[in-house]
C-alpha atoms as a PDB file:
ATOM      1  CA  MET A   1     -43.025 -40.680 112.470  1.00  0.00           C
ATOM      2  CA  LYS A   2     -41.169 -43.879 111.537  1.00  0.00           C
ATOM      3  CA  ILE A   3     -38.211 -44.683 113.787  1.00  0.00           C
ATOM      4  CA  ILE A   4     -35.545 -47.373 113.425  1.00  0.00           C
ATOM      5  CA  ILE A   5     -34.182 -48.702 116.719  1.00  0.00           C
ATOM      6  CA  THR A   6     -31.170 -51.025 116.552  1.00  0.00           C
ATOM      7  CA  GLY A   7     -30.364 -53.306 119.451  1.00  0.00           C
ATOM      8  CA  ALA A   8     -34.084 -53.233 120.077  1.00  0.00           C
ATOM      9  CA  ASN A   9     -33.951 -56.000 122.699  1.00  0.00           C
ATOM     10  CA  GLY A  10     -31.161 -54.388 124.732  1.00  0.00           C
ATOM     11  CA  GLN A  11     -31.442 -52.037 127.682  1.00  0.00           C
ATOM     12  CA  VAL A  12     -31.500 -48.814 125.658  1.00  0.00           C
ATOM     13  CA  GLY A  13     -33.494 -50.231 122.753  1.00  0.00           C
ATOM     14  CA  THR A  14     -36.217 -51.573 125.033  1.00  0.00           C
ATOM     15  CA  ALA A  15     -36.491 -48.241 126.856  1.00  0.00           C
ATOM     16  CA  LEU A  16     -36.626 -46.317 123.565  1.00  0.00           C
ATOM     17  CA  GLN A  17     -39.620 -48.405 122.550  1.00  0.00           C
ATOM     18  CA  ARG A  18     -41.409 -47.125 125.651  1.00  0.00           C
ATOM     19  CA  VAL A  19     -40.822 -43.428 125.012  1.00  0.00           C
ATOM     20  CA  TYR A  20     -41.679 -43.686 121.302  1.00  0.00           C
ATOM     21  CA  ALA A  21     -44.591 -46.120 121.664  1.00  0.00           C
ATOM     22  CA  GLU A  22     -46.958 -43.805 119.788  1.00  0.00           C
ATOM     23  CA  HIS A  23     -44.805 -43.900 116.643  1.00  0.00           C
ATOM     24  CA  SER A  24     -44.198 -46.501 113.935  1.00  0.00           C
ATOM     25  CA  LEU A  25     -41.151 -48.479 115.061  1.00  0.00           C
ATOM     26  CA  VAL A  26     -38.795 -50.639 113.031  1.00  0.00           C
ATOM     27  CA  LEU A  27     -37.133 -52.873 115.607  1.00  0.00           C
ATOM     28  CA  VAL A  28     -33.726 -54.156 114.543  1.00  0.00           C
ATOM     29  CA  ASP A  29     -32.043 -56.990 116.421  1.00  0.00           C
ATOM     30  CA  LEU A  30     -30.743 -60.495 115.958  1.00  0.00           C
ATOM     31  CA  PRO A  31     -31.705 -62.974 114.588  1.00  0.00           C
ATOM     32  CA  ASP A  32     -34.011 -61.173 112.144  1.00  0.00           C
ATOM     33  CA  PHE A  33     -31.649 -58.267 111.453  1.00  0.00           C
ATOM     34  CA  ASP A  34     -27.855 -58.375 111.429  1.00  0.00           C
ATOM     35  CA  ILE A  35     -26.332 -54.896 111.176  1.00  0.00           C
ATOM     36  CA  THR A  36     -22.984 -56.346 110.066  1.00  0.00           C
ATOM     37  CA  ARG A  37     -24.426 -57.634 106.783  1.00  0.00           C
ATOM     38  CA  PRO A  38     -24.080 -55.143 103.886  1.00  0.00           C
ATOM     39  CA  GLU A  39     -27.590 -55.878 102.564  1.00  0.00           C
ATOM     40  CA  ILE A  40     -29.052 -54.377 105.747  1.00  0.00           C
ATOM     41  CA  VAL A  41     -28.442 -50.932 104.223  1.00  0.00           C
ATOM     42  CA  ALA A  42     -30.887 -51.320 101.347  1.00  0.00           C
ATOM     43  CA  GLN A  43     -33.303 -53.269 103.531  1.00  0.00           C
ATOM     44  CA  LEU A  44     -33.587 -50.541 106.146  1.00  0.00           C
ATOM     45  CA  ALA A  45     -33.309 -47.619 103.732  1.00  0.00           C
ATOM     46  CA  ALA A  46     -36.452 -48.997 102.064  1.00  0.00           C
ATOM     47  CA  GLU A  47     -38.285 -48.349 105.328  1.00  0.00           C
ATOM     48  CA  LYS A  48     -37.768 -44.581 104.758  1.00  0.00           C
ATOM     49  CA  PRO A  49     -37.217 -43.751 108.435  1.00  0.00           C
ATOM     50  CA  ASP A  50     -37.630 -40.267 109.881  1.00  0.00           C
ATOM     51  CA  LEU A  51     -35.172 -40.984 112.727  1.00  0.00           C
ATOM     52  CA  ILE A  52     -32.598 -43.665 113.533  1.00  0.00           C
ATOM     53  CA  PHE A  53     -31.416 -44.690 116.986  1.00  0.00           C
ATOM     54  CA  HIS A  54     -28.314 -46.848 116.945  1.00  0.00           C
ATOM     55  CA  PRO A  55     -27.474 -48.270 120.386  1.00  0.00           C
ATOM     56  CA  ALA A  56     -26.718 -51.773 119.022  1.00  0.00           C
ATOM     57  CA  ALA A  57     -23.166 -52.794 119.894  1.00  0.00           C
ATOM     58  CA  MET A  58     -20.925 -55.532 121.161  1.00  0.00           C
ATOM     59  CA  THR A  59     -20.782 -54.196 124.720  1.00  0.00           C
ATOM     60  CA  ASN A  60     -19.105 -57.057 126.569  1.00  0.00           C
ATOM     61  CA  VAL A  61     -15.752 -55.326 126.971  1.00  0.00           C
ATOM     62  CA  ASP A  62     -13.891 -58.480 127.966  1.00  0.00           C
ATOM     63  CA  ALA A  63     -15.276 -60.377 124.961  1.00  0.00           C
ATOM     64  CA  CYS A  64     -14.149 -57.456 122.787  1.00  0.00           C
ATOM     65  CA  ALA A  65     -10.648 -57.740 124.265  1.00  0.00           C
ATOM     66  CA  ARG A  66     -10.567 -61.451 123.478  1.00  0.00           C
ATOM     67  CA  ASP A  67     -11.889 -60.948 119.931  1.00  0.00           C
ATOM     68  CA  PRO A  68     -11.131 -57.425 118.667  1.00  0.00           C
ATOM     69  CA  ARG A  69     -12.052 -58.401 115.118  1.00  0.00           C
ATOM     70  CA  ALA A  70     -15.602 -59.201 116.201  1.00  0.00           C
ATOM     71  CA  ALA A  71     -15.769 -55.932 118.144  1.00  0.00           C
ATOM     72  CA  PHE A  72     -14.841 -53.905 115.064  1.00  0.00           C
ATOM     73  CA  GLN A  73     -17.184 -55.931 112.864  1.00  0.00           C
ATOM     74  CA  VAL A  74     -20.166 -54.971 115.037  1.00  0.00           C
ATOM     75  CA  ASN A  75     -19.210 -51.599 116.479  1.00  0.00           C
ATOM     76  CA  ALA A  76     -17.454 -50.099 113.464  1.00  0.00           C
ATOM     77  CA  PHE A  77     -18.718 -51.869 110.334  1.00  0.00           C
ATOM     78  CA  GLY A  78     -22.219 -52.275 111.784  1.00  0.00           C
ATOM     79  CA  THR A  79     -22.248 -48.567 112.538  1.00  0.00           C
ATOM     80  CA  GLN A  80     -21.066 -47.827 108.997  1.00  0.00           C
ATOM     81  CA  ASN A  81     -24.057 -49.727 107.657  1.00  0.00           C
ATOM     82  CA  MET A  82     -26.476 -47.785 109.844  1.00  0.00           C
ATOM     83  CA  ALA A  83     -24.771 -44.515 108.918  1.00  0.00           C
ATOM     84  CA  LEU A  84     -25.284 -45.384 105.243  1.00  0.00           C
ATOM     85  CA  VAL A  85     -28.996 -45.903 105.946  1.00  0.00           C
ATOM     86  CA  ALA A  86     -29.081 -42.418 107.451  1.00  0.00           C
ATOM     87  CA  GLN A  87     -27.112 -40.992 104.527  1.00  0.00           C
ATOM     88  CA  ARG A  88     -29.382 -42.552 101.902  1.00  0.00           C
ATOM     89  CA  THR A  89     -32.610 -41.508 103.599  1.00  0.00           C
ATOM     90  CA  GLY A  90     -31.598 -38.162 105.103  1.00  0.00           C
ATOM     91  CA  ALA A  91     -32.812 -39.344 108.511  1.00  0.00           C
ATOM     92  CA  PRO A  92     -31.095 -37.986 111.630  1.00  0.00           C
ATOM     93  CA  MET A  93     -29.120 -40.641 113.493  1.00  0.00           C
ATOM     94  CA  VAL A  94     -28.424 -40.974 117.214  1.00  0.00           C
ATOM     95  CA  TYR A  95     -25.318 -43.069 117.840  1.00  0.00           C
ATOM     96  CA  ILE A  96     -24.773 -44.282 121.398  1.00  0.00           C
ATOM     97  CA  SER A  97     -21.088 -44.282 122.319  1.00  0.00           C
ATOM     98  CA  THR A  98     -19.123 -44.642 125.526  1.00  0.00           C
ATOM     99  CA  ASN A  99     -16.958 -42.896 128.100  1.00  0.00           C
ATOM    100  CA  GLU A 100     -14.303 -45.511 127.335  1.00  0.00           C
ATOM    101  CA  VAL A 101     -13.177 -43.538 124.269  1.00  0.00           C
ATOM    102  CA  PHE A 102     -11.094 -41.608 126.832  1.00  0.00           C
ATOM    103  CA  ASP A 103      -7.936 -43.050 128.404  1.00  0.00           C
ATOM    104  CA  GLY A 104      -8.833 -42.274 132.024  1.00  0.00           C
ATOM    105  CA  THR A 105      -5.729 -40.200 132.827  1.00  0.00           C
ATOM    106  CA  ALA A 106      -7.613 -36.931 133.419  1.00  0.00           C
ATOM    107  CA  SER A 107      -8.131 -35.326 136.808  1.00  0.00           C
ATOM    108  CA  GLN A 108     -11.471 -33.715 135.902  1.00  0.00           C
ATOM    109  CA  PRO A 109     -14.545 -35.112 134.109  1.00  0.00           C
ATOM    110  CA  TYR A 110     -14.135 -35.256 130.339  1.00  0.00           C
ATOM    111  CA  HIS A 111     -15.892 -32.570 128.285  1.00  0.00           C
ATOM    112  CA  GLU A 112     -17.407 -33.327 124.896  1.00  0.00           C
ATOM    113  CA  PHE A 113     -14.350 -32.434 122.819  1.00  0.00           C
ATOM    114  CA  ALA A 114     -11.603 -33.632 125.130  1.00  0.00           C
ATOM    115  CA  PRO A 115      -8.990 -35.635 123.187  1.00  0.00           C
ATOM    116  CA  THR A 116      -9.951 -39.284 122.785  1.00  0.00           C
ATOM    117  CA  ASN A 117      -7.444 -42.064 123.353  1.00  0.00           C
ATOM    118  CA  PRO A 118      -9.005 -45.537 123.693  1.00  0.00           C
ATOM    119  CA  ILE A 119      -6.991 -48.090 125.661  1.00  0.00           C
ATOM    120  CA  ASN A 120      -8.960 -51.267 124.902  1.00  0.00           C
ATOM    121  CA  PRO A 121     -10.522 -52.890 121.802  1.00  0.00           C
ATOM    122  CA  TYR A 122     -14.113 -52.130 122.840  1.00  0.00           C
ATOM    123  CA  ALA A 123     -13.308 -48.437 123.165  1.00  0.00           C
ATOM    124  CA  ALA A 124     -11.309 -48.383 119.930  1.00  0.00           C
ATOM    125  CA  SER A 125     -14.177 -49.991 118.029  1.00  0.00           C
ATOM    126  CA  LYS A 126     -16.721 -47.543 119.458  1.00  0.00           C
ATOM    127  CA  LEU A 127     -14.513 -44.566 118.600  1.00  0.00           C
ATOM    128  CA  ALA A 128     -14.176 -45.962 115.086  1.00  0.00           C
ATOM    129  CA  GLY A 129     -17.970 -45.979 114.955  1.00  0.00           C
ATOM    130  CA  GLU A 130     -18.032 -42.314 115.999  1.00  0.00           C
ATOM    131  CA  LYS A 131     -15.581 -41.342 113.269  1.00  0.00           C
ATOM    132  CA  ILE A 132     -17.317 -43.362 110.559  1.00  0.00           C
ATOM    133  CA  ALA A 133     -20.718 -41.924 111.454  1.00  0.00           C
ATOM    134  CA  ALA A 134     -19.344 -38.379 111.531  1.00  0.00           C
ATOM    135  CA  ARG A 135     -17.956 -38.795 107.997  1.00  0.00           C
ATOM    136  CA  LEU A 136     -21.160 -40.221 106.538  1.00  0.00           C
ATOM    137  CA  VAL A 137     -24.058 -38.610 108.402  1.00  0.00           C
ATOM    138  CA  GLN A 138     -24.873 -34.921 108.204  1.00  0.00           C
ATOM    139  CA  LYS A 139     -27.625 -34.997 110.835  1.00  0.00           C
ATOM    140  CA  LEU A 140     -25.815 -36.839 113.626  1.00  0.00           C
ATOM    141  CA  TYR A 141     -26.002 -36.953 117.399  1.00  0.00           C
ATOM    142  CA  ILE A 142     -23.115 -38.770 119.083  1.00  0.00           C
ATOM    143  CA  VAL A 143     -24.161 -39.506 122.659  1.00  0.00           C
ATOM    144  CA  ARG A 144     -21.625 -40.922 125.107  1.00  0.00           C
ATOM    145  CA  ILE A 145     -22.852 -42.724 128.199  1.00  0.00           C
ATOM    146  CA  ALA A 146     -21.259 -44.789 130.983  1.00  0.00           C
ATOM    147  CA  TRP A 147     -22.214 -47.687 133.243  1.00  0.00           C
ATOM    148  CA  ALA A 148     -25.732 -48.058 131.835  1.00  0.00           C
ATOM    149  CA  PHE A 149     -28.259 -49.847 134.011  1.00  0.00           C
ATOM    150  CA  ALA A 150     -31.974 -50.613 133.801  1.00  0.00           C
ATOM    151  CA  LYS A 151     -34.380 -53.055 135.355  1.00  0.00           C
ATOM    152  CA  GLY A 152     -34.006 -56.521 133.861  1.00  0.00           C
ATOM    153  CA  GLY A 153     -30.593 -55.914 132.291  1.00  0.00           C
ATOM    154  CA  ASN A 154     -27.390 -57.796 133.031  1.00  0.00           C
ATOM    155  CA  ASN A 155     -25.777 -54.671 134.440  1.00  0.00           C
ATOM    156  CA  PHE A 156     -23.624 -53.679 137.399  1.00  0.00           C
ATOM    157  CA  PRO A 157     -26.444 -53.428 139.993  1.00  0.00           C
ATOM    158  CA  ALA A 158     -27.810 -56.822 138.947  1.00  0.00           C
ATOM    159  CA  LYS A 159     -24.362 -58.416 139.120  1.00  0.00           C
ATOM    160  CA  ILE A 160     -23.636 -56.903 142.543  1.00  0.00           C
ATOM    161  CA  ILE A 161     -26.916 -58.178 143.960  1.00  0.00           C
ATOM    162  CA  ARG A 162     -26.386 -61.674 142.528  1.00  0.00           C
ATOM    163  CA  ALA A 163     -22.854 -61.826 143.903  1.00  0.00           C
ATOM    164  CA  ALA A 164     -23.913 -60.523 147.317  1.00  0.00           C
ATOM    165  CA  ASP A 165     -26.671 -63.109 147.583  1.00  0.00           C
ATOM    166  CA  LYS A 166     -24.401 -65.922 146.415  1.00  0.00           C
ATOM    167  CA  PHE A 167     -21.199 -65.169 148.357  1.00  0.00           C
ATOM    168  CA  GLY A 168     -22.304 -62.977 151.270  1.00  0.00           C
ATOM    169  CA  GLU A 169     -19.333 -60.654 150.758  1.00  0.00           C
ATOM    170  CA  LEU A 170     -17.763 -58.734 147.909  1.00  0.00           C
ATOM    171  CA  LYS A 171     -14.504 -57.296 146.627  1.00  0.00           C
ATOM    172  CA  VAL A 172     -14.960 -54.221 144.421  1.00  0.00           C
ATOM    173  CA  VAL A 173     -12.424 -51.913 142.785  1.00  0.00           C
ATOM    174  CA  THR A 174     -11.987 -48.388 144.058  1.00  0.00           C
ATOM    175  CA  ASP A 175      -9.888 -46.999 141.202  1.00  0.00           C
ATOM    176  CA  GLU A 176     -12.414 -47.250 138.353  1.00  0.00           C
ATOM    177  CA  ILE A 177     -14.394 -44.021 138.508  1.00  0.00           C
ATOM    178  CA  SER A 178     -17.187 -42.654 136.328  1.00  0.00           C
ATOM    179  CA  SER A 179     -20.876 -41.671 136.365  1.00  0.00           C
ATOM    180  CA  PRO A 180     -23.691 -44.257 136.209  1.00  0.00           C
ATOM    181  CA  THR A 181     -26.415 -43.869 133.570  1.00  0.00           C
ATOM    182  CA  TYR A 182     -29.968 -44.931 134.418  1.00  0.00           C
ATOM    183  CA  VAL A 183     -31.423 -45.937 131.065  1.00  0.00           C
ATOM    184  CA  PRO A 184     -34.993 -44.615 131.630  1.00  0.00           C
ATOM    185  CA  ASP A 185     -33.475 -41.199 132.399  1.00  0.00           C
ATOM    186  CA  LEU A 186     -31.214 -41.496 129.366  1.00  0.00           C
ATOM    187  CA  VAL A 187     -33.982 -42.239 126.860  1.00  0.00           C
ATOM    188  CA  ASP A 188     -36.107 -39.373 128.164  1.00  0.00           C
ATOM    189  CA  ALA A 189     -33.101 -37.116 127.548  1.00  0.00           C
ATOM    190  CA  LEU A 190     -32.521 -38.672 124.112  1.00  0.00           C
ATOM    191  CA  LYS A 191     -36.097 -37.931 123.092  1.00  0.00           C
ATOM    192  CA  LYS A 192     -35.680 -34.289 124.087  1.00  0.00           C
ATOM    193  CA  LEU A 193     -32.316 -34.078 122.325  1.00  0.00           C
ATOM    194  CA  ALA A 194     -33.573 -35.650 119.084  1.00  0.00           C
ATOM    195  CA  ALA A 195     -36.317 -33.009 118.914  1.00  0.00           C
ATOM    196  CA  THR A 196     -33.834 -30.105 118.963  1.00  0.00           C
ATOM    197  CA  ASP A 197     -32.055 -30.541 115.607  1.00  0.00           C
ATOM    198  CA  HIS A 198     -28.894 -29.470 117.450  1.00  0.00           C
ATOM    199  CA  TYR A 199     -26.654 -32.128 115.973  1.00  0.00           C
ATOM    200  CA  GLY A 200     -23.304 -32.791 117.620  1.00  0.00           C
ATOM    201  CA  THR A 201     -21.513 -34.672 120.388  1.00  0.00           C
ATOM    202  CA  TYR A 202     -23.132 -34.984 123.813  1.00  0.00           C
ATOM    203  CA  HIS A 203     -22.415 -36.542 127.199  1.00  0.00           C
ATOM    204  CA  LEU A 204     -25.512 -37.892 128.937  1.00  0.00           C
ATOM    205  CA  THR A 205     -24.964 -39.639 132.254  1.00  0.00           C
ATOM    206  CA  ASN A 206     -26.665 -39.129 135.584  1.00  0.00           C
ATOM    207  CA  SER A 207     -25.006 -36.376 137.550  1.00  0.00           C
ATOM    208  CA  GLY A 208     -22.375 -37.141 140.149  1.00  0.00           C
ATOM    209  CA  VAL A 209     -19.185 -39.181 140.172  1.00  0.00           C
ATOM    210  CA  CYS A 210     -18.454 -42.444 141.982  1.00  0.00           C
ATOM    211  CA  SER A 211     -16.121 -45.409 141.994  1.00  0.00           C
ATOM    212  CA  ARG A 212     -17.302 -48.939 141.338  1.00  0.00           C
ATOM    213  CA  PHE A 213     -16.843 -49.484 145.085  1.00  0.00           C
ATOM    214  CA  ASP A 214     -19.047 -46.483 145.963  1.00  0.00           C
ATOM    215  CA  PHE A 215     -21.656 -47.636 143.472  1.00  0.00           C
ATOM    216  CA  ALA A 216     -21.670 -51.164 144.910  1.00  0.00           C
ATOM    217  CA  VAL A 217     -22.026 -49.937 148.496  1.00  0.00           C
ATOM    218  CA  GLU A 218     -25.003 -47.752 147.522  1.00  0.00           C
ATOM    219  CA  ILE A 219     -26.594 -50.614 145.571  1.00  0.00           C
ATOM    220  CA  LEU A 220     -26.372 -52.847 148.625  1.00  0.00           C
ATOM    221  CA  ARG A 221     -27.689 -50.137 150.932  1.00  0.00           C
ATOM    222  CA  GLN A 222     -30.688 -49.289 148.762  1.00  0.00           C
ATOM    223  CA  SER A 223     -31.516 -52.952 148.132  1.00  0.00           C
ATOM    224  CA  GLY A 224     -31.613 -53.762 151.842  1.00  0.00           C
ATOM    225  CA  ARG A 225     -28.253 -55.544 151.821  1.00  0.00           C
ATOM    226  CA  GLY A 226     -26.254 -52.914 153.675  1.00  0.00           C
ATOM    227  CA  ASP A 227     -24.872 -55.511 156.064  1.00  0.00           C
ATOM    228  CA  VAL A 228     -23.000 -57.330 153.250  1.00  0.00           C
ATOM    229  CA  PRO A 229     -19.277 -56.606 153.728  1.00  0.00           C
ATOM    230  CA  VAL A 230     -17.509 -54.999 150.763  1.00  0.00           C
ATOM    231  CA  MET A 231     -13.725 -55.058 150.609  1.00  0.00           C
ATOM    232  CA  PRO A 232     -12.086 -52.268 148.569  1.00  0.00           C
ATOM    233  CA  ILE A 233      -9.436 -53.467 146.116  1.00  0.00           C
ATOM    234  CA  THR A 234      -7.543 -51.907 143.220  1.00  0.00           C
ATOM    235  CA  SER A 235      -7.876 -52.969 139.605  1.00  0.00           C
ATOM    236  CA  GLU A 236      -4.503 -54.725 139.887  1.00  0.00           C
ATOM    237  CA  GLY A 237      -6.219 -57.186 142.197  1.00  0.00           C
ATOM    238  CA  PHE A 238      -9.042 -57.911 139.766  1.00  0.00           C
ATOM    239  CA  GLU A 239      -8.066 -59.929 136.709  1.00  0.00           C
ATOM    240  CA  ARG A 240      -9.967 -59.322 133.494  1.00  0.00           C
ATOM    241  CA  ALA A 241      -9.326 -59.377 129.745  1.00  0.00           C
ATOM    242  CA  SER A 242     -10.099 -55.709 129.145  1.00  0.00           C
ATOM    243  CA  THR A 243      -8.442 -52.637 130.668  1.00  0.00           C
ATOM    244  CA  PRO A 244     -11.051 -49.967 131.429  1.00  0.00           C
ATOM    245  CA  PRO A 245     -10.076 -46.306 131.862  1.00  0.00           C
ATOM    246  CA  LYS A 246      -9.571 -45.622 135.551  1.00  0.00           C
ATOM    247  CA  TYR A 247     -11.072 -42.125 135.673  1.00  0.00           C
ATOM    248  CA  ALA A 248     -13.661 -41.385 132.988  1.00  0.00           C
ATOM    249  CA  PRO A 249     -16.668 -39.414 134.272  1.00  0.00           C
ATOM    250  CA  LEU A 250     -18.395 -37.376 131.565  1.00  0.00           C
ATOM    251  CA  GLU A 251     -19.189 -33.672 131.838  1.00  0.00           C
ATOM    252  CA  ASN A 252     -22.503 -32.558 130.324  1.00  0.00           C
ATOM    253  CA  ASN A 253     -22.005 -29.109 128.805  1.00  0.00           C
ATOM    254  CA  PHE A 254     -23.773 -29.082 125.444  1.00  0.00           C
ATOM    255  CA  ALA A 255     -26.981 -30.896 126.395  1.00  0.00           C
ATOM    256  CA  ALA A 256     -27.190 -28.784 129.551  1.00  0.00           C
ATOM    257  CA  ALA A 257     -27.024 -25.674 127.349  1.00  0.00           C
ATOM    258  CA  LEU A 258     -30.198 -27.002 125.692  1.00  0.00           C
ATOM    259  CA  GLY A 259     -31.825 -27.531 129.090  1.00  0.00           C
ATOM    260  CA  ILE A 260     -31.254 -31.301 129.129  1.00  0.00           C
ATOM    261  CA  THR A 261     -29.768 -32.725 132.324  1.00  0.00           C
ATOM    262  CA  LEU A 262     -30.083 -35.964 134.277  1.00  0.00           C
ATOM    263  CA  ARG A 263     -30.685 -36.194 138.023  1.00  0.00           C
ATOM    264  CA  PRO A 264     -28.106 -37.526 140.536  1.00  0.00           C
ATOM    265  CA  TRP A 265     -27.276 -41.192 140.101  1.00  0.00           C
ATOM    266  CA  GLN A 266     -28.307 -42.024 143.682  1.00  0.00           C
ATOM    267  CA  ALA A 267     -31.869 -40.803 143.016  1.00  0.00           C
ATOM    268  CA  ALA A 268     -31.947 -42.747 139.756  1.00  0.00           C
ATOM    269  CA  LEU A 269     -30.800 -45.872 141.584  1.00  0.00           C
ATOM    270  CA  ALA A 270     -33.687 -45.474 144.021  1.00  0.00           C
ATOM    271  CA  ASN A 271     -36.056 -45.558 141.052  1.00  0.00           C
ATOM    272  CA  TYR A 272     -34.304 -48.664 139.732  1.00  0.00           C
ATOM    273  CA  PHE A 273     -35.313 -50.458 142.907  1.00  0.00           C
ATOM    274  CA  SER A 274     -38.798 -48.954 143.205  1.00  0.00           C
ATOM    275  CA  ASP A 275     -40.010 -49.202 139.581  1.00  0.00           C
END
């Protein structure tokens, strides 16, 4: 089987290479491949893929807030190009989206078809990608994740550990709440999902809900830094360019119906430190 993986050097792309190592892989990433260039469509369609994974995105939410045009160029137009590759070749496409398509005003985790209402440019550009892909691709999996982390990535656990070691104390927000996603668990689930031919919208995060504060405290505890003091603050006390949804955990209904679930985030975090 020939598989295209965009964002091949990112957290999800790197992990996908591991789980599909026995297949023929077309690895798409800068500088050799730019998904925002129209000619990428013919170039990749010529590869005649059997499956397309599209995790490539502009994921720095604050950079997206500072330059929304760039966010839409990558996350919307880039996704359109990849969707056209899928359309021309008939290959199923897996588009990785985000919990931030929701506005964070719910009181319960968001189910797969809860109304979307993005409140920042990153989220708006990712939702645009969802809508574009849905219009163009017949065989489409939209997979929303949140707070992705993997060994070697510039993710929340890595940032917390660096800050703890540098400053000896931390301030972390308590009112941003979701569900972490351990990327090795995610890609195992994606492989199972892509083999089902049950196209649709899915939520795949590790089970359980936590705040950024809770997540940070557990990161410090499991990394042997439990004595580092962590001060709880609200998002009003933490200046940033983007405005994330305050409460946006994702509920896994449809993948669970197919027998695909992810373990609790605390257990996944333990593997992050032991792997």
